[in-house]
């Protein structure tokens, strides 16, 4: 997928913010550690969808990603809503 520079920058800022939140959360560290202990490497992904605004819709693409139930719970504890 080809993202423009503004989108790449915004996505990087969000990635950095989520990483910082995860790094500082003992409950997320515990959840990730528990998954690793049973043989899984957690992978968090993000889904970007265009806003329903005509100006943006023509230029945007939809990106679909996978979240496990553990991902959703960890993000929920950080007050990040996932659909």
N, C-alpha and C. Protein backbone atom coordinates (compact mmCIF):
# COMPACT_ATOMS: atom_id res chain seq x y z
N UNK A 1 0.83 -1.16 0.00
CA UNK A 1 0.00 0.00 0.00
C UNK A 1 0.89 1.24 0.00
N UNK A 2 0.50 2.21 -0.77
CA UNK A 2 1.24 3.47 -0.84
C UNK A 2 0.50 4.53 -0.04
N UNK A 3 1.11 4.97 1.04
CA UNK A 3 0.53 6.03 1.86
C UNK A 3 1.32 7.31 1.64
N UNK A 4 0.59 8.43 1.63
CA UNK A 4 1.29 9.70 1.46
C UNK A 4 2.07 10.04 2.72
N UNK A 5 2.95 11.02 2.63
CA UNK A 5 3.85 11.38 3.74
C UNK A 5 3.07 11.79 4.99
N UNK A 6 1.99 12.55 4.85
CA UNK A 6 1.19 12.97 6.01
C UNK A 6 0.59 11.77 6.73
N UNK A 7 0.08 10.81 5.95
CA UNK A 7 -0.51 9.61 6.53
C UNK A 7 0.56 8.77 7.21
N UNK A 8 1.71 8.63 6.56
CA UNK A 8 2.82 7.88 7.17
C UNK A 8 3.25 8.51 8.48
N UNK A 9 3.35 9.85 8.51
CA UNK A 9 3.75 10.55 9.73
C UNK A 9 2.73 10.36 10.85
N UNK A 10 1.44 10.48 10.49
CA UNK A 10 0.38 10.31 11.49
C UNK A 10 0.36 8.89 12.02
N UNK A 11 0.55 7.92 11.14
CA UNK A 11 0.58 6.52 11.56
C UNK A 11 1.78 6.25 12.46
N UNK A 12 2.92 6.85 12.16
CA UNK A 12 4.11 6.69 13.00
C UNK A 12 3.88 7.31 14.38
N UNK A 13 3.24 8.48 14.44
CA UNK A 13 2.94 9.10 15.74
C UNK A 13 2.02 8.20 16.57
N UNK A 14 1.01 7.60 15.91
CA UNK A 14 0.12 6.71 16.63
C UNK A 14 0.86 5.47 17.10
N UNK A 15 1.69 4.91 16.25
CA UNK A 15 2.49 3.73 16.62
C UNK A 15 3.36 4.04 17.83
N UNK A 16 4.02 5.19 17.81
CA UNK A 16 4.88 5.58 18.93
C UNK A 16 4.06 5.75 20.21
N UNK A 17 2.87 6.35 20.10
CA UNK A 17 2.02 6.57 21.27
C UNK A 17 1.55 5.25 21.87
N UNK A 18 1.13 4.31 21.01
CA UNK A 18 0.68 3.00 21.50
C UNK A 18 1.84 2.25 22.12
N UNK A 19 3.00 2.28 21.47
CA UNK A 19 4.17 1.61 22.04
C UNK A 19 4.53 2.17 23.41
N UNK A 20 4.45 3.48 23.54
CA UNK A 20 4.76 4.12 24.83
C UNK A 20 3.75 3.68 25.90
N UNK A 21 2.48 3.63 25.52
CA UNK A 21 1.45 3.20 26.47
C UNK A 21 1.64 1.74 26.87
N UNK A 22 1.95 0.89 25.91
CA UNK A 22 2.17 -0.53 26.19
C UNK A 22 3.39 -0.70 27.08
N UNK A 23 4.44 0.02 26.76
CA UNK A 23 5.69 -0.08 27.51
C UNK A 23 5.49 0.27 28.99
N UNK A 24 4.57 1.20 29.26
CA UNK A 24 4.36 1.67 30.62
C UNK A 24 3.24 0.95 31.36
N UNK A 25 2.63 -0.03 30.75
CA UNK A 25 1.51 -0.73 31.36
C UNK A 25 1.94 -2.10 31.87
N UNK A 26 1.90 -2.28 33.18
CA UNK A 26 2.25 -3.57 33.76
C UNK A 26 1.26 -4.66 33.35
N UNK A 27 -0.02 -4.31 33.24
CA UNK A 27 -1.01 -5.32 32.87
C UNK A 27 -0.80 -5.79 31.43
N UNK A 28 -0.43 -4.89 30.54
CA UNK A 28 -0.16 -5.28 29.15
C UNK A 28 1.11 -6.13 29.10
N UNK A 29 2.14 -5.73 29.84
CA UNK A 29 3.37 -6.54 29.89
C UNK A 29 3.06 -7.95 30.39
N UNK A 30 2.24 -8.05 31.42
CA UNK A 30 1.87 -9.36 31.97
C UNK A 30 1.11 -10.18 30.93
N UNK A 31 0.17 -9.55 30.24
CA UNK A 31 -0.62 -10.26 29.23
C UNK A 31 0.27 -10.74 28.08
N UNK A 32 1.17 -9.89 27.63
CA UNK A 32 2.09 -10.27 26.55
C UNK A 32 3.01 -11.41 27.01
N UNK A 33 3.50 -11.32 28.24
CA UNK A 33 4.36 -12.36 28.79
C UNK A 33 3.64 -13.69 28.88
N UNK A 34 2.37 -13.66 29.29
CA UNK A 34 1.59 -14.89 29.40
C UNK A 34 1.42 -15.54 28.03
N UNK A 35 1.18 -14.75 27.02
CA UNK A 35 1.06 -15.31 25.67
C UNK A 35 2.38 -15.90 25.19
N UNK A 36 3.46 -15.23 25.47
CA UNK A 36 4.78 -15.75 25.06
C UNK A 36 5.11 -17.06 25.79
N UNK A 37 4.71 -17.15 27.06
CA UNK A 37 4.97 -18.36 27.83
C UNK A 37 4.27 -19.59 27.25
N UNK A 38 3.14 -19.37 26.60
CA UNK A 38 2.41 -20.51 26.03
C UNK A 38 2.67 -20.66 24.53
N UNK A 39 3.70 -19.95 24.05
CA UNK A 39 4.15 -20.20 22.68
C UNK A 39 3.64 -19.28 21.60
N UNK A 40 3.13 -18.11 21.98
CA UNK A 40 2.62 -17.18 20.98
C UNK A 40 3.40 -15.87 21.03
N UNK A 41 3.63 -15.30 19.87
CA UNK A 41 4.21 -13.96 19.80
C UNK A 41 3.09 -13.01 19.39
N UNK A 42 2.66 -12.15 20.31
CA UNK A 42 1.56 -11.24 20.01
C UNK A 42 1.93 -10.27 18.89
N UNK A 43 0.94 -9.93 18.07
CA UNK A 43 1.14 -8.98 17.00
C UNK A 43 -0.07 -8.04 16.99
N UNK A 44 0.17 -6.78 17.22
CA UNK A 44 -0.89 -5.78 17.18
C UNK A 44 -0.88 -5.14 15.80
N UNK A 45 -2.05 -4.97 15.26
CA UNK A 45 -2.17 -4.35 13.96
C UNK A 45 -3.23 -3.26 13.99
N UNK A 46 -3.23 -2.42 12.98
CA UNK A 46 -4.14 -1.29 12.93
C UNK A 46 -4.92 -1.32 11.63
N UNK A 47 -6.18 -0.96 11.70
CA UNK A 47 -7.00 -0.86 10.50
C UNK A 47 -7.34 0.61 10.28
N UNK A 48 -6.96 1.11 9.13
CA UNK A 48 -7.28 2.49 8.76
C UNK A 48 -8.41 2.47 7.75
N UNK A 49 -9.43 3.28 8.00
CA UNK A 49 -10.53 3.41 7.07
C UNK A 49 -10.73 4.88 6.77
N UNK A 50 -11.10 5.18 5.54
CA UNK A 50 -11.33 6.59 5.20
C UNK A 50 -12.53 7.14 5.96
N UNK A 51 -12.45 8.40 6.30
CA UNK A 51 -13.59 9.07 6.92
C UNK A 51 -14.70 9.20 5.88
N UNK A 52 -15.94 9.19 6.32
CA UNK A 52 -17.04 9.29 5.36
C UNK A 52 -17.27 10.74 4.90
N UNK A 53 -16.20 11.36 4.49
CA UNK A 53 -16.26 12.74 3.98
C UNK A 53 -15.81 12.70 2.53
N UNK A 54 -16.57 13.31 1.65
CA UNK A 54 -16.26 13.22 0.22
C UNK A 54 -14.84 13.67 -0.11
N UNK A 55 -14.36 14.71 0.55
CA UNK A 55 -13.03 15.21 0.24
C UNK A 55 -11.94 14.17 0.50
N UNK A 56 -12.13 13.34 1.52
CA UNK A 56 -11.12 12.36 1.87
C UNK A 56 -11.35 11.03 1.18
N UNK A 57 -12.58 10.67 0.96
CA UNK A 57 -12.91 9.34 0.45
C UNK A 57 -12.24 9.04 -0.89
N UNK A 58 -12.12 10.01 -1.74
CA UNK A 58 -11.54 9.76 -3.06
C UNK A 58 -10.05 9.44 -2.98
N UNK A 59 -9.37 9.94 -1.95
CA UNK A 59 -7.93 9.77 -1.85
C UNK A 59 -7.52 8.66 -0.89
N UNK A 60 -8.44 8.16 -0.06
CA UNK A 60 -8.09 7.22 1.00
C UNK A 60 -8.29 5.79 0.57
N UNK A 61 -7.60 4.90 1.29
CA UNK A 61 -7.74 3.47 1.09
C UNK A 61 -8.09 2.85 2.42
N UNK A 62 -8.70 1.70 2.39
CA UNK A 62 -8.99 0.96 3.60
C UNK A 62 -7.87 -0.05 3.84
N UNK A 63 -7.41 -0.11 5.08
CA UNK A 63 -6.37 -1.06 5.47
C UNK A 63 -6.99 -1.97 6.51
N UNK A 64 -6.94 -3.26 6.26
CA UNK A 64 -7.52 -4.20 7.22
C UNK A 64 -6.42 -4.92 7.97
N UNK A 65 -6.59 -5.06 9.27
CA UNK A 65 -5.60 -5.72 10.09
C UNK A 65 -6.27 -6.72 11.01
N UNK A 66 -5.48 -7.51 11.68
CA UNK A 66 -5.99 -8.55 12.56
C UNK A 66 -5.72 -8.20 14.02
N UNK A 67 -6.74 -8.35 14.86
CA UNK A 67 -6.59 -8.20 16.30
C UNK A 67 -7.05 -9.48 16.96
N UNK A 68 -6.27 -9.98 17.88
CA UNK A 68 -6.71 -11.12 18.68
C UNK A 68 -7.56 -10.58 19.81
N UNK A 69 -8.24 -11.46 20.51
CA UNK A 69 -9.04 -11.03 21.66
C UNK A 69 -8.14 -10.41 22.73
N UNK A 70 -6.92 -10.95 22.90
CA UNK A 70 -5.97 -10.37 23.86
C UNK A 70 -5.57 -8.97 23.43
N UNK A 71 -5.39 -8.75 22.12
CA UNK A 71 -5.07 -7.42 21.61
C UNK A 71 -6.19 -6.45 21.99
N UNK A 72 -7.43 -6.86 21.74
CA UNK A 72 -8.58 -5.99 22.01
C UNK A 72 -8.67 -5.65 23.51
N UNK A 73 -8.43 -6.64 24.35
CA UNK A 73 -8.49 -6.39 25.80
C UNK A 73 -7.38 -5.44 26.22
N UNK A 74 -6.17 -5.66 25.72
CA UNK A 74 -5.05 -4.79 26.07
C UNK A 74 -5.31 -3.36 25.60
N UNK A 75 -5.78 -3.20 24.39
CA UNK A 75 -6.09 -1.87 23.88
C UNK A 75 -7.24 -1.24 24.65
N UNK A 76 -8.22 -2.04 25.02
CA UNK A 76 -9.34 -1.53 25.82
C UNK A 76 -8.88 -0.99 27.16
N UNK A 77 -7.91 -1.66 27.78
CA UNK A 77 -7.37 -1.16 29.05
C UNK A 77 -6.65 0.16 28.87
N UNK A 78 -6.20 0.43 27.64
CA UNK A 78 -5.54 1.71 27.33
C UNK A 78 -6.55 2.71 26.78
N UNK A 79 -7.85 2.36 26.87
CA UNK A 79 -8.94 3.20 26.39
C UNK A 79 -8.87 3.45 24.89
N UNK A 80 -8.37 2.46 24.14
CA UNK A 80 -8.35 2.52 22.69
C UNK A 80 -9.45 1.63 22.18
N UNK A 81 -10.41 2.20 21.45
CA UNK A 81 -11.55 1.45 20.97
C UNK A 81 -11.23 0.79 19.63
N UNK A 82 -11.57 -0.49 19.51
CA UNK A 82 -11.31 -1.24 18.29
C UNK A 82 -12.64 -1.80 17.81
N UNK A 83 -12.89 -1.67 16.50
CA UNK A 83 -14.12 -2.25 15.95
C UNK A 83 -13.81 -3.54 15.27
